[in-house]
Amino acid sequence: MQAHWKGYIARKHAKGKLLDLRLRIQNAAANVHDGMRIINRLVAALKELKSMKNVSGILHNCAILGESLWAMLKLFP
């Protein structure tokens, strides 16, 4: 009985935090455009990497690819 009550209280307190989190995720999803999506940045960097002839451009695109891959690993452990 006591465990049931403690669970009820914990869920009651967490409800407000969950609602806030849901709203923040919905706002973030509504404000994103295709250029900001990780997969689109990754594809664009790969296309540019294939067409690059100079070393500095290749290094820049490799840095973008590295950042994108680390971000993807954080999202999908």
PDB file of N, CA and C in Angstrom:
ATOM      1  N   MET A   1       0.816  -1.192   0.000  1.00  0.00           N
ATOM      2  CA  MET A   1       0.000   0.000   0.000  1.00  0.00           C
ATOM      3  C   MET A   1       0.867   1.267   0.000  1.00  0.00           C
ATOM      4  N   GLN A   2       1.914   1.237   0.832  1.00  0.00           N
ATOM      5  CA  GLN A   2       2.784   2.400   0.934  1.00  0.00           C
ATOM      6  C   GLN A   2       3.545   2.611  -0.384  1.00  0.00           C
ATOM      7  N   ALA A   3       3.987   1.539  -1.029  1.00  0.00           N
ATOM      8  CA  ALA A   3       4.701   1.659  -2.303  1.00  0.00           C
ATOM      9  C   ALA A   3       3.782   2.235  -3.378  1.00  0.00           C
ATOM     10  N   HIS A   4       2.528   1.823  -3.359  1.00  0.00           N
ATOM     11  CA  HIS A   4       1.553   2.346  -4.313  1.00  0.00           C
ATOM     12  C   HIS A   4       1.377   3.850  -4.119  1.00  0.00           C
ATOM     13  N   TRP A   5       1.271   4.280  -2.879  1.00  0.00           N
ATOM     14  CA  TRP A   5       1.086   5.703  -2.582  1.00  0.00           C
ATOM     15  C   TRP A   5       2.318   6.513  -3.004  1.00  0.00           C
ATOM     16  N   LYS A   6       3.513   6.001  -2.715  1.00  0.00           N
ATOM     17  CA  LYS A   6       4.734   6.703  -3.102  1.00  0.00           C
ATOM     18  C   LYS A   6       4.826   6.819  -4.629  1.00  0.00           C
ATOM     19  N   GLY A   7       4.433   5.777  -5.338  1.00  0.00           N
ATOM     20  CA  GLY A   7       4.421   5.821  -6.794  1.00  0.00           C
ATOM     21  C   GLY A   7       3.448   6.857  -7.311  1.00  0.00           C
ATOM     22  N   TYR A   8       2.291   6.929  -6.706  1.00  0.00           N
ATOM     23  CA  TYR A   8       1.286   7.921  -7.088  1.00  0.00           C
ATOM     24  C   TYR A   8       1.819   9.341  -6.906  1.00  0.00           C
ATOM     25  N   ILE A   9       2.446   9.597  -5.780  1.00  0.00           N
ATOM     26  CA  ILE A   9       2.991  10.927  -5.496  1.00  0.00           C
ATOM     27  C   ILE A   9       4.113  11.262  -6.496  1.00  0.00           C
ATOM     28  N   ALA A  10       4.962  10.302  -6.771  1.00  0.00           N
ATOM     29  CA  ALA A  10       6.070  10.541  -7.712  1.00  0.00           C
ATOM     30  C   ALA A  10       5.531  10.852  -9.106  1.00  0.00           C
ATOM     31  N   ARG A  11       4.520  10.105  -9.557  1.00  0.00           N
ATOM     32  CA  ARG A  11       3.935  10.360 -10.878  1.00  0.00           C
ATOM     33  C   ARG A  11       3.237  11.713 -10.905  1.00  0.00           C
ATOM     34  N   LYS A  12       2.608  12.087  -9.816  1.00  0.00           N
ATOM     35  CA  LYS A  12       1.916  13.368  -9.739  1.00  0.00           C
ATOM     36  C   LYS A  12       2.905  14.528  -9.881  1.00  0.00           C
ATOM     37  N   HIS A  13       4.052  14.425  -9.233  1.00  0.00           N
ATOM     38  CA  HIS A  13       5.057  15.485  -9.310  1.00  0.00           C
ATOM     39  C   HIS A  13       5.750  15.519 -10.664  1.00  0.00           C
ATOM     40  N   ALA A  14       5.891  14.366 -11.303  1.00  0.00           N
ATOM     41  CA  ALA A  14       6.588  14.301 -12.588  1.00  0.00           C
ATOM     42  C   ALA A  14       5.699  14.753 -13.745  1.00  0.00           C
ATOM     43  N   LYS A  15       4.401  14.823 -13.534  1.00  0.00           N
ATOM     44  CA  LYS A  15       3.482  15.152 -14.617  1.00  0.00           C
ATOM     45  C   LYS A  15       3.756  16.539 -15.203  1.00  0.00           C
ATOM     46  N   GLY A  16       4.013  17.512 -14.371  1.00  0.00           N
ATOM     47  CA  GLY A  16       4.294  18.868 -14.843  1.00  0.00           C
ATOM     48  C   GLY A  16       5.584  18.929 -15.642  1.00  0.00           C
ATOM     49  N   LYS A  17       6.613  18.207 -15.194  1.00  0.00           N
ATOM     50  CA  LYS A  17       7.880  18.183 -15.912  1.00  0.00           C
ATOM     51  C   LYS A  17       7.713  17.526 -17.278  1.00  0.00           C
ATOM     52  N   LEU A  18       6.945  16.460 -17.340  1.00  0.00           N
ATOM     53  CA  LEU A  18       6.715  15.779 -18.614  1.00  0.00           C
ATOM     54  C   LEU A  18       5.948  16.657 -19.589  1.00  0.00           C
ATOM     55  N   LEU A  19       4.969  17.381 -19.087  1.00  0.00           N
ATOM     56  CA  LEU A  19       4.212  18.282 -19.950  1.00  0.00           C
ATOM     57  C   LEU A  19       5.109  19.376 -20.516  1.00  0.00           C
ATOM     58  N   ASP A  20       5.970  19.930 -19.676  1.00  0.00           N
ATOM     59  CA  ASP A  20       6.905  20.963 -20.123  1.00  0.00           C
ATOM     60  C   ASP A  20       7.863  20.404 -21.172  1.00  0.00           C
ATOM     61  N   LEU A  21       8.346  19.204 -20.950  1.00  0.00           N
ATOM     62  CA  LEU A  21       9.258  18.573 -21.902  1.00  0.00           C
ATOM     63  C   LEU A  21       8.578  18.314 -23.242  1.00  0.00           C
ATOM     64  N   ARG A  22       7.344  17.847 -23.206  1.00  0.00           N
ATOM     65  CA  ARG A  22       6.592  17.612 -24.448  1.00  0.00           C
ATOM     66  C   ARG A  22       6.407  18.903 -25.237  1.00  0.00           C
ATOM     67  N   LEU A  23       6.067  19.981 -24.545  1.00  0.00           N
ATOM     68  CA  LEU A  23       5.889  21.271 -25.221  1.00  0.00           C
ATOM     69  C   LEU A  23       7.189  21.773 -25.832  1.00  0.00           C
ATOM     70  N   ARG A  24       8.299  21.606 -25.117  1.00  0.00           N
ATOM     71  CA  ARG A  24       9.595  22.031 -25.640  1.00  0.00           C
ATOM     72  C   ARG A  24       9.985  21.233 -26.880  1.00  0.00           C
ATOM     73  N   ILE A  25       9.713  19.940 -26.877  1.00  0.00           N
ATOM     74  CA  ILE A  25      10.027  19.100 -28.038  1.00  0.00           C
ATOM     75  C   ILE A  25       9.147  19.478 -29.218  1.00  0.00           C
ATOM     76  N   GLN A  26       7.880  19.732 -28.986  1.00  0.00           N
ATOM     77  CA  GLN A  26       6.979  20.131 -30.063  1.00  0.00           C
ATOM     78  C   GLN A  26       7.403  21.472 -30.664  1.00  0.00           C
ATOM     79  N   ASN A  27       7.799  22.431 -29.821  1.00  0.00           N
ATOM     80  CA  ASN A  27       8.259  23.731 -30.321  1.00  0.00           C
ATOM     81  C   ASN A  27       9.534  23.584 -31.136  1.00  0.00           C
ATOM     82  N   ALA A  28      10.449  22.762 -30.674  1.00  0.00           N
ATOM     83  CA  ALA A  28      11.699  22.558 -31.401  1.00  0.00           C
ATOM     84  C   ALA A  28      11.437  21.896 -32.749  1.00  0.00           C
ATOM     85  N   ALA A  29      10.536  20.924 -32.779  1.00  0.00           N
ATOM     86  CA  ALA A  29      10.221  20.242 -34.032  1.00  0.00           C
ATOM     87  C   ALA A  29       9.523  21.178 -35.013  1.00  0.00           C
ATOM     88  N   ALA A  30       8.722  22.095 -34.508  1.00  0.00           N
ATOM     89  CA  ALA A  30       8.006  23.026 -35.384  1.00  0.00           C
ATOM     90  C   ALA A  30       8.939  24.084 -35.971  1.00  0.00           C
ATOM     91  N   ASN A  31      10.012  24.422 -35.254  1.00  0.00           N
ATOM     92  CA  ASN A  31      10.900  25.494 -35.694  1.00  0.00           C
ATOM     93  C   ASN A  31      12.084  25.022 -36.528  1.00  0.00           C
ATOM     94  N   VAL A  32      12.208  23.729 -36.760  1.00  0.00           N
ATOM     95  CA  VAL A  32      13.354  23.224 -37.520  1.00  0.00           C
ATOM     96  C   VAL A  32      13.038  23.240 -39.016  1.00  0.00           C
ATOM     97  N   HIS A  33      14.056  23.525 -39.827  1.00  0.00           N
ATOM     98  CA  HIS A  33      13.871  23.455 -41.271  1.00  0.00           C
ATOM     99  C   HIS A  33      14.870  22.438 -41.829  1.00  0.00           C
ATOM    100  N   ASP A  34      14.710  22.075 -43.086  1.00  0.00           N
ATOM    101  CA  ASP A  34      15.492  20.981 -43.660  1.00  0.00           C
ATOM    102  C   ASP A  34      17.000  21.212 -43.597  1.00  0.00           C
ATOM    103  N   GLY A  35      17.433  22.450 -43.708  1.00  0.00           N
ATOM    104  CA  GLY A  35      18.859  22.724 -43.654  1.00  0.00           C
ATOM    105  C   GLY A  35      19.478  22.450 -42.296  1.00  0.00           C
ATOM    106  N   MET A  36      18.662  22.428 -41.248  1.00  0.00           N
ATOM    107  CA  MET A  36      19.159  22.200 -39.899  1.00  0.00           C
ATOM    108  C   MET A  36      19.219  20.717 -39.539  1.00  0.00           C
ATOM    109  N   ARG A  37      18.562  19.873 -40.291  1.00  0.00           N
ATOM    110  CA  ARG A  37      18.533  18.453 -39.964  1.00  0.00           C
ATOM    111  C   ARG A  37      19.912  17.836 -40.179  1.00  0.00           C
ATOM    112  N   ILE A  38      20.297  16.977 -39.275  1.00  0.00           N
ATOM    113  CA  ILE A  38      21.630  16.386 -39.306  1.00  0.00           C
ATOM    114  C   ILE A  38      21.852  15.588 -40.573  1.00  0.00           C
ATOM    115  N   ILE A  39      20.887  14.796 -40.978  1.00  0.00           N
ATOM    116  CA  ILE A  39      21.073  13.949 -42.149  1.00  0.00           C
ATOM    117  C   ILE A  39      21.263  14.787 -43.410  1.00  0.00           C
ATOM    118  N   ASN A  40      20.566  15.901 -43.519  1.00  0.00           N
ATOM    119  CA  ASN A  40      20.719  16.765 -44.694  1.00  0.00           C
ATOM    120  C   ASN A  40      22.089  17.435 -44.716  1.00  0.00           C
ATOM    121  N   ARG A  41      22.582  17.834 -43.549  1.00  0.00           N
ATOM    122  CA  ARG A  41      23.925  18.405 -43.475  1.00  0.00           C
ATOM    123  C   ARG A  41      24.969  17.368 -43.847  1.00  0.00           C
ATOM    124  N   LEU A  42      24.744  16.138 -43.422  1.00  0.00           N
ATOM    125  CA  LEU A  42      25.663  15.051 -43.712  1.00  0.00           C
ATOM    126  C   LEU A  42      25.718  14.756 -45.211  1.00  0.00           C
ATOM    127  N   VAL A  43      24.563  14.685 -45.856  1.00  0.00           N
ATOM    128  CA  VAL A  43      24.503  14.423 -47.295  1.00  0.00           C
ATOM    129  C   VAL A  43      25.158  15.559 -48.076  1.00  0.00           C
ATOM    130  N   ALA A  44      24.883  16.795 -47.685  1.00  0.00           N
ATOM    131  CA  ALA A  44      25.478  17.942 -48.377  1.00  0.00           C
ATOM    132  C   ALA A  44      26.995  17.943 -48.227  1.00  0.00           C
ATOM    133  N   ALA A  45      27.488  17.624 -47.048  1.00  0.00           N
ATOM    134  CA  ALA A  45      28.935  17.591 -46.832  1.00  0.00           C
ATOM    135  C   ALA A  45      29.588  16.489 -47.656  1.00  0.00           C
ATOM    136  N   LEU A  46      28.933  15.340 -47.759  1.00  0.00           N
ATOM    137  CA  LEU A  46      29.484  14.253 -48.576  1.00  0.00           C
ATOM    138  C   LEU A  46      29.524  14.624 -50.055  1.00  0.00           C
ATOM    139  N   LYS A  47      28.489  15.283 -50.543  1.00  0.00           N
ATOM    140  CA  LYS A  47      28.471  15.725 -51.938  1.00  0.00           C
ATOM    141  C   LYS A  47      29.600  16.705 -52.216  1.00  0.00           C
ATOM    142  N   GLU A  48      29.791  17.652 -51.307  1.00  0.00           N
ATOM    143  CA  GLU A  48      30.861  18.627 -51.481  1.00  0.00           C
ATOM    144  C   GLU A  48      32.227  17.967 -51.375  1.00  0.00           C
ATOM    145  N   LEU A  49      32.337  16.998 -50.483  1.00  0.00           N
ATOM    146  CA  LEU A  49      33.605  16.310 -50.292  1.00  0.00           C
ATOM    147  C   LEU A  49      34.037  15.582 -51.565  1.00  0.00           C
ATOM    148  N   LYS A  50      33.068  15.015 -52.263  1.00  0.00           N
ATOM    149  CA  LYS A  50      33.383  14.311 -53.509  1.00  0.00           C
ATOM    150  C   LYS A  50      33.871  15.267 -54.593  1.00  0.00           C
ATOM    151  N   SER A  51      33.393  16.513 -54.562  1.00  0.00           N
ATOM    152  CA  SER A  51      33.739  17.456 -55.621  1.00  0.00           C
ATOM    153  C   SER A  51      34.929  18.360 -55.270  1.00  0.00           C
ATOM    154  N   MET A  52      35.433  18.309 -54.031  1.00  0.00           N
ATOM    155  CA  MET A  52      36.519  19.193 -53.589  1.00  0.00           C
ATOM    156  C   MET A  52      37.858  18.764 -54.181  1.00  0.00           C
ATOM    157  N   LYS A  53      38.672  19.773 -54.508  1.00  0.00           N
ATOM    158  CA  LYS A  53      40.013  19.517 -55.015  1.00  0.00           C
ATOM    159  C   LYS A  53      41.086  20.014 -54.046  1.00  0.00           C
ATOM    160  N   ASN A  54      40.774  21.028 -53.218  1.00  0.00           N
ATOM    161  CA  ASN A  54      41.782  21.577 -52.316  1.00  0.00           C
ATOM    162  C   ASN A  54      41.687  20.959 -50.920  1.00  0.00           C
ATOM    163  N   VAL A  55      42.792  20.941 -50.230  1.00  0.00           N
ATOM    164  CA  VAL A  55      42.898  20.275 -48.931  1.00  0.00           C
ATOM    165  C   VAL A  55      42.088  20.991 -47.854  1.00  0.00           C
ATOM    166  N   SER A  56      42.086  22.316 -47.852  1.00  0.00           N
ATOM    167  CA  SER A  56      41.372  23.039 -46.790  1.00  0.00           C
ATOM    168  C   SER A  56      39.868  22.789 -46.868  1.00  0.00           C
ATOM    169  N   GLY A  57      39.315  22.711 -48.070  1.00  0.00           N
ATOM    170  CA  GLY A  57      37.893  22.397 -48.212  1.00  0.00           C
ATOM    171  C   GLY A  57      37.570  20.993 -47.753  1.00  0.00           C
ATOM    172  N   ILE A  58      38.468  20.058 -48.057  1.00  0.00           N
ATOM    173  CA  ILE A  58      38.273  18.669 -47.618  1.00  0.00           C
ATOM    174  C   ILE A  58      38.312  18.589 -46.096  1.00  0.00           C
ATOM    175  N   LEU A  59      39.261  19.279 -45.470  1.00  0.00           N
ATOM    176  CA  LEU A  59      39.350  19.276 -44.003  1.00  0.00           C
ATOM    177  C   LEU A  59      38.114  19.895 -43.365  1.00  0.00           C
ATOM    178  N   HIS A  60      37.611  20.979 -43.950  1.00  0.00           N
ATOM    179  CA  HIS A  60      36.407  21.629 -43.420  1.00  0.00           C
ATOM    180  C   HIS A  60      35.217  20.675 -43.480  1.00  0.00           C
ATOM    181  N   ASN A  61      35.038  19.995 -44.605  1.00  0.00           N
ATOM    182  CA  ASN A  61      33.914  19.069 -44.733  1.00  0.00           C
ATOM    183  C   ASN A  61      34.083  17.849 -43.830  1.00  0.00           C
ATOM    184  N   CYS A  62      35.315  17.428 -43.625  1.00  0.00           N
ATOM    185  CA  CYS A  62      35.544  16.329 -42.682  1.00  0.00           C
ATOM    186  C   CYS A  62      35.158  16.747 -41.260  1.00  0.00           C
ATOM    187  N   ALA A  63      35.433  17.990 -40.910  1.00  0.00           N
ATOM    188  CA  ALA A  63      35.042  18.492 -39.586  1.00  0.00           C
ATOM    189  C   ALA A  63      33.520  18.505 -39.442  1.00  0.00           C
ATOM    190  N   ILE A  64      32.812  18.926 -40.488  1.00  0.00           N
ATOM    191  CA  ILE A  64      31.350  18.930 -40.458  1.00  0.00           C
ATOM    192  C   ILE A  64      30.818  17.507 -40.314  1.00  0.00           C
ATOM    193  N   LEU A  65      31.411  16.582 -41.063  1.00  0.00           N
ATOM    194  CA  LEU A  65      30.989  15.185 -40.966  1.00  0.00           C
ATOM    195  C   LEU A  65      31.221  14.634 -39.563  1.00  0.00           C
ATOM    196  N   GLY A  66      32.369  14.972 -38.987  1.00  0.00           N
ATOM    197  CA  GLY A  66      32.663  14.503 -37.635  1.00  0.00           C
ATOM    198  C   GLY A  66      31.671  15.030 -36.613  1.00  0.00           C
ATOM    199  N   GLU A  67      31.340  16.309 -36.704  1.00  0.00           N
ATOM    200  CA  GLU A  67      30.360  16.899 -35.781  1.00  0.00           C
ATOM    201  C   GLU A  67      29.000  16.230 -35.941  1.00  0.00           C
ATOM    202  N   SER A  68      28.606  15.998 -37.181  1.00  0.00           N
ATOM    203  CA  SER A  68      27.299  15.376 -37.436  1.00  0.00           C
ATOM    204  C   SER A  68      27.244  13.955 -36.899  1.00  0.00           C
ATOM    205  N   LEU A  69      28.329  13.214 -37.119  1.00  0.00           N
ATOM    206  CA  LEU A  69      28.345  11.834 -36.635  1.00  0.00           C
ATOM    207  C   LEU A  69      28.309  11.773 -35.115  1.00  0.00           C
ATOM    208  N   TRP A  70      29.052  12.668 -34.436  1.00  0.00           N
ATOM    209  CA  TRP A  70      29.014  12.688 -32.969  1.00  0.00           C
ATOM    210  C   TRP A  70      27.629  13.061 -32.465  1.00  0.00           C
ATOM    211  N   ALA A  71      26.976  14.008 -33.135  1.00  0.00           N
ATOM    212  CA  ALA A  71      25.627  14.396 -32.733  1.00  0.00           C
ATOM    213  C   ALA A  71      24.662  13.242 -32.902  1.00  0.00           C
ATOM    214  N   MET A  72      24.815  12.494 -33.989  1.00  0.00           N
ATOM    215  CA  MET A  72      23.935  11.351 -34.228  1.00  0.00           C
ATOM    216  C   MET A  72      24.175  10.252 -33.187  1.00  0.00           C
ATOM    217  N   LEU A  73      25.429  10.058 -32.805  1.00  0.00           N
ATOM    218  CA  LEU A  73      25.736   9.045 -31.778  1.00  0.00           C
ATOM    219  C   LEU A  73      25.148   9.419 -30.432  1.00  0.00           C
ATOM    220  N   LYS A  74      25.086  10.716 -30.133  1.00  0.00           N
ATOM    221  CA  LYS A  74      24.487  11.163 -28.872  1.00  0.00           C
ATOM    222  C   LYS A  74      22.979  10.932 -28.874  1.00  0.00           C
ATOM    223  N   LEU A  75      22.354  11.104 -30.064  1.00  0.00           N
ATOM    224  CA  LEU A  75      20.907  10.945 -30.153  1.00  0.00           C
ATOM    225  C   LEU A  75      20.488   9.479 -30.105  1.00  0.00           C
ATOM    226  N   PHE A  76      21.294   8.619 -30.723  1.00  0.00           N
ATOM    227  CA  PHE A  76      20.944   7.215 -30.837  1.00  0.00           C
ATOM    228  C   PHE A  76      22.037   6.346 -30.227  1.00  0.00           C
ATOM    229  N   PRO A  77      22.063   6.222 -28.906  1.00  0.00           N
ATOM    230  CA  PRO A  77      23.117   5.432 -28.252  1.00  0.00           C
ATOM    231  C   PRO A  77      22.995   3.948 -28.525  1.00  0.00           C
TER     232      PRO A  77
END
